[in-house]
Amino acid sequence: SGHYPAFAGYVGPGLADAAVAGDVFASPSTAAVAR
């Protein structure tokens, strides 16, 4: 997180189907990505 609109702001028809968000400047966990 901390990069808005990356990455959640990209979700919608014609672009992304989903976005995973970690903590500020931290990668989302493996479990979150898989989920």
PDB file of all heavy atoms in Angstrom:
ATOM      1  N   SER A   1       0.852  -1.194   0.000  1.00  0.00           N
ATOM      2  CA  SER A   1       0.000   0.000   0.000  1.00  0.00           C
ATOM      3  C   SER A   1       0.893   1.250   0.000  1.00  0.00           C
ATOM      4  O   SER A   1       2.106   1.173   0.112  1.00  0.00           O
ATOM      5  CB  SER A   1      -0.910  -0.014   1.227  1.00  0.00           C
ATOM      6  OG  SER A   1      -1.793  -1.111   1.185  1.00  0.00           O
ATOM      7  N   GLY A   2       0.261   2.405  -0.146  1.00  0.00           N
ATOM      8  CA  GLY A   2       1.008   3.654  -0.193  1.00  0.00           C
ATOM      9  C   GLY A   2       1.278   4.152  -1.580  1.00  0.00           C
ATOM     10  O   GLY A   2       1.932   5.182  -1.756  1.00  0.00           O
ATOM     11  N   HIS A   3       0.746   3.444  -2.603  1.00  0.00           N
ATOM     12  CA  HIS A   3       1.014   3.796  -3.996  1.00  0.00           C
ATOM     13  C   HIS A   3      -0.253   4.194  -4.752  1.00  0.00           C
ATOM     14  O   HIS A   3      -0.230   4.250  -5.973  1.00  0.00           O
ATOM     15  CB  HIS A   3       1.655   2.614  -4.726  1.00  0.00           C
ATOM     16  CG  HIS A   3       2.880   2.084  -4.081  1.00  0.00           C
ATOM     17  ND1 HIS A   3       4.000   2.848  -3.874  1.00  0.00           N
ATOM     18  CD2 HIS A   3       3.169   0.848  -3.577  1.00  0.00           C
ATOM     19  CE1 HIS A   3       4.927   2.120  -3.285  1.00  0.00           C
ATOM     20  NE2 HIS A   3       4.451   0.908  -3.093  1.00  0.00           N
ATOM     21  N   TYR A   4      -1.363   4.431  -4.072  1.00  0.00           N
ATOM     22  CA  TYR A   4      -2.632   4.650  -4.756  1.00  0.00           C
ATOM     23  C   TYR A   4      -2.489   5.706  -5.847  1.00  0.00           C
ATOM     24  O   TYR A   4      -1.834   6.721  -5.639  1.00  0.00           O
ATOM     25  CB  TYR A   4      -3.735   5.072  -3.773  1.00  0.00           C
ATOM     26  CG  TYR A   4      -5.078   5.139  -4.460  1.00  0.00           C
ATOM     27  CD1 TYR A   4      -5.816   3.981  -4.639  1.00  0.00           C
ATOM     28  CD2 TYR A   4      -5.546   6.324  -5.014  1.00  0.00           C
ATOM     29  CE1 TYR A   4      -7.023   4.021  -5.338  1.00  0.00           C
ATOM     30  CE2 TYR A   4      -6.737   6.364  -5.711  1.00  0.00           C
ATOM     31  CZ  TYR A   4      -7.474   5.215  -5.873  1.00  0.00           C
ATOM     32  OH  TYR A   4      -8.648   5.249  -6.574  1.00  0.00           O
ATOM     33  N   PRO A   5      -3.124   5.417  -7.011  1.00  0.00           N
ATOM     34  CA  PRO A   5      -4.134   4.400  -7.295  1.00  0.00           C
ATOM     35  C   PRO A   5      -3.623   2.988  -7.542  1.00  0.00           C
ATOM     36  O   PRO A   5      -4.429   2.090  -7.713  1.00  0.00           O
ATOM     37  CB  PRO A   5      -4.834   4.929  -8.537  1.00  0.00           C
ATOM     38  CG  PRO A   5      -3.797   5.739  -9.225  1.00  0.00           C
ATOM     39  CD  PRO A   5      -2.998   6.385  -8.138  1.00  0.00           C
ATOM     40  N   ALA A   6      -2.306   2.809  -7.620  1.00  0.00           N
ATOM     41  CA  ALA A   6      -1.815   1.436  -7.631  1.00  0.00           C
ATOM     42  C   ALA A   6      -2.057   0.852  -6.231  1.00  0.00           C
ATOM     43  O   ALA A   6      -1.689   1.465  -5.239  1.00  0.00           O
ATOM     44  CB  ALA A   6      -0.319   1.412  -7.959  1.00  0.00           C
ATOM     45  N   PHE A   7      -2.706  -0.276  -6.144  1.00  0.00           N
ATOM     46  CA  PHE A   7      -3.047  -1.157  -7.252  1.00  0.00           C
ATOM     47  C   PHE A   7      -4.566  -1.359  -7.340  1.00  0.00           C
ATOM     48  O   PHE A   7      -5.083  -1.796  -8.361  1.00  0.00           O
ATOM     49  CB  PHE A   7      -2.357  -2.518  -7.072  1.00  0.00           C
ATOM     50  CG  PHE A   7      -0.856  -2.367  -7.109  1.00  0.00           C
ATOM     51  CD1 PHE A   7      -0.129  -2.155  -5.949  1.00  0.00           C
ATOM     52  CD2 PHE A   7      -0.169  -2.388  -8.311  1.00  0.00           C
ATOM     53  CE1 PHE A   7       1.240  -1.996  -5.988  1.00  0.00           C
ATOM     54  CE2 PHE A   7       1.213  -2.237  -8.357  1.00  0.00           C
ATOM     55  CZ  PHE A   7       1.927  -2.032  -7.182  1.00  0.00           C
ATOM     56  N   ALA A   8      -5.252  -1.044  -6.271  1.00  0.00           N
ATOM     57  CA  ALA A   8      -6.695  -1.261  -6.234  1.00  0.00           C
ATOM     58  C   ALA A   8      -7.430  -0.385  -7.237  1.00  0.00           C
ATOM     59  O   ALA A   8      -8.480  -0.767  -7.769  1.00  0.00           O
ATOM     60  CB  ALA A   8      -7.231  -1.006  -4.822  1.00  0.00           C
ATOM     61  N   GLY A   9      -6.882   0.793  -7.535  1.00  0.00           N
ATOM     62  CA  GLY A   9      -7.531   1.695  -8.476  1.00  0.00           C
ATOM     63  C   GLY A   9      -7.502   1.220  -9.906  1.00  0.00           C
ATOM     64  O   GLY A   9      -8.133   1.824 -10.773  1.00  0.00           O
ATOM     65  N   TYR A  10      -6.781   0.135 -10.169  1.00  0.00           N
ATOM     66  CA  TYR A  10      -6.714  -0.432 -11.519  1.00  0.00           C
ATOM     67  C   TYR A  10      -7.788  -1.494 -11.779  1.00  0.00           C
ATOM     68  O   TYR A  10      -7.863  -2.040 -12.886  1.00  0.00           O
ATOM     69  CB  TYR A  10      -5.367  -1.111 -11.751  1.00  0.00           C
ATOM     70  CG  TYR A  10      -4.142  -0.246 -11.647  1.00  0.00           C
ATOM     71  CD1 TYR A  10      -2.884  -0.818 -11.528  1.00  0.00           C
ATOM     72  CD2 TYR A  10      -4.218   1.142 -11.666  1.00  0.00           C
ATOM     73  CE1 TYR A  10      -1.734  -0.043 -11.441  1.00  0.00           C
ATOM     74  CE2 TYR A  10      -3.071   1.924 -11.575  1.00  0.00           C
ATOM     75  CZ  TYR A  10      -1.836   1.324 -11.466  1.00  0.00           C
ATOM     76  OH  TYR A  10      -0.701   2.090 -11.373  1.00  0.00           O
ATOM     77  N   VAL A  11      -8.599  -1.801 -10.784  1.00  0.00           N
ATOM     78  CA  VAL A  11      -9.549  -2.909 -10.911  1.00  0.00           C
ATOM     79  C   VAL A  11     -10.822  -2.430 -11.583  1.00  0.00           C
ATOM     80  O   VAL A  11     -11.459  -1.454 -11.151  1.00  0.00           O
ATOM     81  CB  VAL A  11      -9.856  -3.536  -9.541  1.00  0.00           C
ATOM     82  CG1 VAL A  11     -10.918  -4.633  -9.676  1.00  0.00           C
ATOM     83  CG2 VAL A  11      -8.585  -4.106  -8.924  1.00  0.00           C
ATOM     84  N   GLY A  12     -11.205  -3.121 -12.646  1.00  0.00           N
ATOM     85  CA  GLY A  12     -12.421  -2.802 -13.369  1.00  0.00           C
ATOM     86  C   GLY A  12     -12.365  -3.393 -14.766  1.00  0.00           C
ATOM     87  O   GLY A  12     -11.319  -3.891 -15.209  1.00  0.00           O
ATOM     88  N   PRO A  13     -13.457  -3.370 -15.498  1.00  0.00           N
ATOM     89  CA  PRO A  13     -13.492  -3.933 -16.853  1.00  0.00           C
ATOM     90  C   PRO A  13     -12.404  -3.349 -17.745  1.00  0.00           C
ATOM     91  O   PRO A  13     -12.178  -2.140 -17.769  1.00  0.00           O
ATOM     92  CB  PRO A  13     -14.890  -3.545 -17.354  1.00  0.00           C
ATOM     93  CG  PRO A  13     -15.706  -3.386 -16.108  1.00  0.00           C
ATOM     94  CD  PRO A  13     -14.767  -2.828 -15.083  1.00  0.00           C
ATOM     95  N   GLY A  14     -11.723  -4.218 -18.474  1.00  0.00           N
ATOM     96  CA  GLY A  14     -10.682  -3.784 -19.381  1.00  0.00           C
ATOM     97  C   GLY A  14      -9.314  -3.629 -18.768  1.00  0.00           C
ATOM     98  O   GLY A  14      -8.339  -3.371 -19.471  1.00  0.00           O
ATOM     99  N   LEU A  15      -9.212  -3.805 -17.434  1.00  0.00           N
ATOM    100  CA  LEU A  15      -7.904  -3.716 -16.800  1.00  0.00           C
ATOM    101  C   LEU A  15      -7.772  -4.905 -15.841  1.00  0.00           C
ATOM    102  O   LEU A  15      -7.750  -6.032 -16.293  1.00  0.00           O
ATOM    103  CB  LEU A  15      -7.708  -2.351 -16.114  1.00  0.00           C
ATOM    104  CG  LEU A  15      -6.306  -1.736 -16.281  1.00  0.00           C
ATOM    105  CD1 LEU A  15      -6.331  -0.228 -16.083  1.00  0.00           C
ATOM    106  CD2 LEU A  15      -5.281  -2.374 -15.413  1.00  0.00           C
ATOM    107  N   ALA A  16      -7.687  -4.691 -14.550  1.00  0.00           N
ATOM    108  CA  ALA A  16      -7.443  -5.809 -13.634  1.00  0.00           C
ATOM    109  C   ALA A  16      -8.746  -6.395 -13.104  1.00  0.00           C
ATOM    110  O   ALA A  16      -9.754  -5.703 -12.959  1.00  0.00           O
ATOM    111  CB  ALA A  16      -6.569  -5.357 -12.469  1.00  0.00           C
ATOM    112  N   ASP A  17      -8.678  -7.685 -12.796  1.00  0.00           N
ATOM    113  CA  ASP A  17      -9.826  -8.367 -12.181  1.00  0.00           C
ATOM    114  C   ASP A  17      -9.764  -8.322 -10.665  1.00  0.00           C
ATOM    115  O   ASP A  17     -10.790  -8.495  -9.999  1.00  0.00           O
ATOM    116  CB  ASP A  17      -9.865  -9.821 -12.641  1.00  0.00           C
ATOM    117  CG  ASP A  17     -10.149  -9.931 -14.126  1.00  0.00           C
ATOM    118  OD1 ASP A  17     -11.318  -9.828 -14.507  1.00  0.00           O
ATOM    119  OD2 ASP A  17      -9.188 -10.099 -14.905  1.00  0.00           O
ATOM    120  N   ALA A  18      -8.588  -8.116 -10.119  1.00  0.00           N
ATOM    121  CA  ALA A  18      -8.426  -8.083  -8.668  1.00  0.00           C
ATOM    122  C   ALA A  18      -7.092  -7.438  -8.345  1.00  0.00           C
ATOM    123  O   ALA A  18      -6.190  -7.364  -9.187  1.00  0.00           O
ATOM    124  CB  ALA A  18      -8.492  -9.486  -8.070  1.00  0.00           C
ATOM    125  N   ALA A  19      -6.967  -6.959  -7.111  1.00  0.00           N
ATOM    126  CA  ALA A  19      -5.709  -6.398  -6.628  1.00  0.00           C
ATOM    127  C   ALA A  19      -5.471  -6.879  -5.208  1.00  0.00           C
ATOM    128  O   ALA A  19      -6.400  -6.959  -4.397  1.00  0.00           O
ATOM    129  CB  ALA A  19      -5.733  -4.873  -6.671  1.00  0.00           C
ATOM    130  N   VAL A  20      -4.213  -7.198  -4.919  1.00  0.00           N
ATOM    131  CA  VAL A  20      -3.793  -7.610  -3.575  1.00  0.00           C
ATOM    132  C   VAL A  20      -3.033  -6.449  -2.951  1.00  0.00           C
ATOM    133  O   VAL A  20      -2.210  -5.810  -3.615  1.00  0.00           O
ATOM    134  CB  VAL A  20      -2.892  -8.851  -3.623  1.00  0.00           C
ATOM    135  CG1 VAL A  20      -2.819  -9.505  -2.249  1.00  0.00           C
ATOM    136  CG2 VAL A  20      -3.364  -9.846  -4.669  1.00  0.00           C
ATOM    137  N   ALA A  21      -3.285  -6.163  -1.676  1.00  0.00           N
ATOM    138  CA  ALA A  21      -2.659  -5.019  -1.019  1.00  0.00           C
ATOM    139  C   ALA A  21      -1.959  -5.445   0.263  1.00  0.00           C
ATOM    140  O   ALA A  21      -2.579  -6.012   1.159  1.00  0.00           O
ATOM    141  CB  ALA A  21      -3.707  -3.958  -0.704  1.00  0.00           C
ATOM    142  N   GLY A  22      -0.659  -5.171   0.339  1.00  0.00           N
ATOM    143  CA  GLY A  22       0.087  -5.389   1.564  1.00  0.00           C
ATOM    144  C   GLY A  22       0.022  -4.166   2.450  1.00  0.00           C
ATOM    145  O   GLY A  22      -0.713  -3.207   2.178  1.00  0.00           O
ATOM    146  N   ASP A  23       0.799  -4.171   3.519  1.00  0.00           N
ATOM    147  CA  ASP A  23       0.918  -2.992   4.371  1.00  0.00           C
ATOM    148  C   ASP A  23       1.668  -1.913   3.597  1.00  0.00           C
ATOM    149  O   ASP A  23       2.109  -2.125   2.462  1.00  0.00           O
ATOM    150  CB  ASP A  23       1.652  -3.357   5.670  1.00  0.00           C
ATOM    151  CG  ASP A  23       1.263  -2.449   6.821  1.00  0.00           C
ATOM    152  OD1 ASP A  23       0.681  -1.373   6.558  1.00  0.00           O
ATOM    153  OD2 ASP A  23       1.554  -2.783   7.983  1.00  0.00           O
ATOM    154  N   VAL A  24       1.834  -0.742   4.200  1.00  0.00           N
ATOM    155  CA  VAL A  24       2.500   0.357   3.504  1.00  0.00           C
ATOM    156  C   VAL A  24       3.921  -0.053   3.116  1.00  0.00           C
ATOM    157  O   VAL A  24       4.735  -0.427   3.957  1.00  0.00           O
ATOM    158  CB  VAL A  24       2.538   1.615   4.382  1.00  0.00           C
ATOM    159  CG1 VAL A  24       3.324   2.729   3.684  1.00  0.00           C
ATOM    160  CG2 VAL A  24       1.123   2.083   4.696  1.00  0.00           C
ATOM    161  N   PHE A  25       4.194  -0.032   1.821  1.00  0.00           N
ATOM    162  CA  PHE A  25       5.499  -0.353   1.240  1.00  0.00           C
ATOM    163  C   PHE A  25       5.948  -1.785   1.547  1.00  0.00           C
ATOM    164  O   PHE A  25       7.147  -2.083   1.480  1.00  0.00           O
ATOM    165  CB  PHE A  25       6.569   0.625   1.714  1.00  0.00           C
ATOM    166  CG  PHE A  25       6.356   2.045   1.250  1.00  0.00           C
ATOM    167  CD1 PHE A  25       7.147   3.072   1.754  1.00  0.00           C
ATOM    168  CD2 PHE A  25       5.367   2.372   0.331  1.00  0.00           C
ATOM    169  CE1 PHE A  25       6.965   4.388   1.332  1.00  0.00           C
ATOM    170  CE2 PHE A  25       5.178   3.682  -0.089  1.00  0.00           C
ATOM    171  CZ  PHE A  25       5.986   4.697   0.422  1.00  0.00           C
ATOM    172  N   ALA A  26       5.023  -2.668   1.895  1.00  0.00           N
ATOM    173  CA  ALA A  26       5.371  -4.056   2.218  1.00  0.00           C
ATOM    174  C   ALA A  26       4.589  -4.995   1.310  1.00  0.00           C
ATOM    175  O   ALA A  26       3.407  -4.788   1.040  1.00  0.00           O
ATOM    176  CB  ALA A  26       5.057  -4.373   3.683  1.00  0.00           C
ATOM    177  N   SER A  27       5.259  -6.037   0.855  1.00  0.00           N
ATOM    178  CA  SER A  27       4.593  -7.001  -0.015  1.00  0.00           C
ATOM    179  C   SER A  27       3.414  -7.654   0.685  1.00  0.00           C
ATOM    180  O   SER A  27       3.473  -7.933   1.887  1.00  0.00           O
ATOM    181  CB  SER A  27       5.596  -8.080  -0.424  1.00  0.00           C
ATOM    182  OG  SER A  27       4.948  -9.151  -1.079  1.00  0.00           O
ATOM    183  N   PRO A  28       2.330  -7.924  -0.030  1.00  0.00           N
ATOM    184  CA  PRO A  28       1.258  -8.747   0.548  1.00  0.00           C
ATOM    185  C   PRO A  28       1.780 -10.146   0.806  1.00  0.00           C
ATOM    186  O   PRO A  28       2.705 -10.615   0.140  1.00  0.00           O
ATOM    187  CB  PRO A  28       0.172  -8.732  -0.532  1.00  0.00           C
ATOM    188  CG  PRO A  28       0.873  -8.393  -1.799  1.00  0.00           C
ATOM    189  CD  PRO A  28       2.034  -7.518  -1.421  1.00  0.00           C
ATOM    190  N   SER A  29       1.207 -10.816   1.763  1.00  0.00           N
ATOM    191  CA  SER A  29       1.657 -12.155   2.127  1.00  0.00           C
ATOM    192  C   SER A  29       1.285 -13.169   1.049  1.00  0.00           C
ATOM    193  O   SER A  29       0.396 -12.936   0.220  1.00  0.00           O
ATOM    194  CB  SER A  29       1.041 -12.588   3.459  1.00  0.00           C
ATOM    195  OG  SER A  29      -0.354 -12.825   3.310  1.00  0.00           O
ATOM    196  N   THR A  30       1.970 -14.293   1.090  1.00  0.00           N
ATOM    197  CA  THR A  30       1.651 -15.394   0.183  1.00  0.00           C
ATOM    198  C   THR A  30       0.190 -15.796   0.315  1.00  0.00           C
ATOM    199  O   THR A  30      -0.507 -16.011  -0.681  1.00  0.00           O
ATOM    200  CB  THR A  30       2.556 -16.599   0.484  1.00  0.00           C
ATOM    201  OG1 THR A  30       3.915 -16.231   0.225  1.00  0.00           O
ATOM    202  CG2 THR A  30       2.180 -17.795  -0.361  1.00  0.00           C
ATOM    203  N   ALA A  31      -0.280 -15.909   1.562  1.00  0.00           N
ATOM    204  CA  ALA A  31      -1.669 -16.322   1.790  1.00  0.00           C
ATOM    205  C   ALA A  31      -2.649 -15.326   1.185  1.00  0.00           C
ATOM    206  O   ALA A  31      -3.668 -15.709   0.608  1.00  0.00           O
ATOM    207  CB  ALA A  31      -1.925 -16.485   3.289  1.00  0.00           C
ATOM    208  N   ALA A  32      -2.345 -14.015   1.313  1.00  0.00           N
ATOM    209  CA  ALA A  32      -3.242 -13.001   0.757  1.00  0.00           C
ATOM    210  C   ALA A  32      -3.286 -13.080  -0.764  1.00  0.00           C
ATOM    211  O   ALA A  32      -4.357 -12.997  -1.376  1.00  0.00           O
ATOM    212  CB  ALA A  32      -2.798 -11.615   1.203  1.00  0.00           C
ATOM    213  N   VAL A  33      -2.129 -13.251  -1.396  1.00  0.00           N
ATOM    214  CA  VAL A  33      -2.092 -13.357  -2.859  1.00  0.00           C
ATOM    215  C   VAL A  33      -2.904 -14.555  -3.327  1.00  0.00           C
ATOM    216  O   VAL A  33      -3.736 -14.461  -4.243  1.00  0.00           O
ATOM    217  CB  VAL A  33      -0.642 -13.468  -3.358  1.00  0.00           C
ATOM    218  CG1 VAL A  33      -0.617 -13.690  -4.876  1.00  0.00           C
ATOM    219  CG2 VAL A  33       0.154 -12.219  -2.994  1.00  0.00           C
ATOM    220  N   ALA A  34      -2.682 -15.702  -2.686  1.00  0.00           N
ATOM    221  CA  ALA A  34      -3.405 -16.915  -3.080  1.00  0.00           C
ATOM    222  C   ALA A  34      -4.906 -16.757  -2.866  1.00  0.00           C
ATOM    223  O   ALA A  34      -5.723 -17.171  -3.706  1.00  0.00           O
ATOM    224  CB  ALA A  34      -2.875 -18.105  -2.298  1.00  0.00           C
ATOM    225  N   ARG A  35      -5.279 -16.139  -1.775  1.00  0.00           N
ATOM    226  CA  ARG A  35      -6.706 -15.972  -1.448  1.00  0.00           C
ATOM    227  C   ARG A  35      -7.405 -15.099  -2.487  1.00  0.00           C
ATOM    228  O   ARG A  35      -8.484 -15.451  -2.994  1.00  0.00           O
ATOM    229  CB  ARG A  35      -6.837 -15.339  -0.062  1.00  0.00           C
ATOM    230  CG  ARG A  35      -8.269 -15.136   0.410  1.00  0.00           C
ATOM    231  CD  ARG A  35      -8.311 -14.328   1.694  1.00  0.00           C
ATOM    232  NE  ARG A  35      -7.474 -14.885   2.731  1.00  0.00           N
ATOM    233  CZ  ARG A  35      -6.398 -14.272   3.235  1.00  0.00           C
ATOM    234  NH1 ARG A  35      -6.036 -13.086   2.790  1.00  0.00           N
ATOM    235  NH2 ARG A  35      -5.705 -14.838   4.197  1.00  0.00           N
TER     236      ARG A  35
END
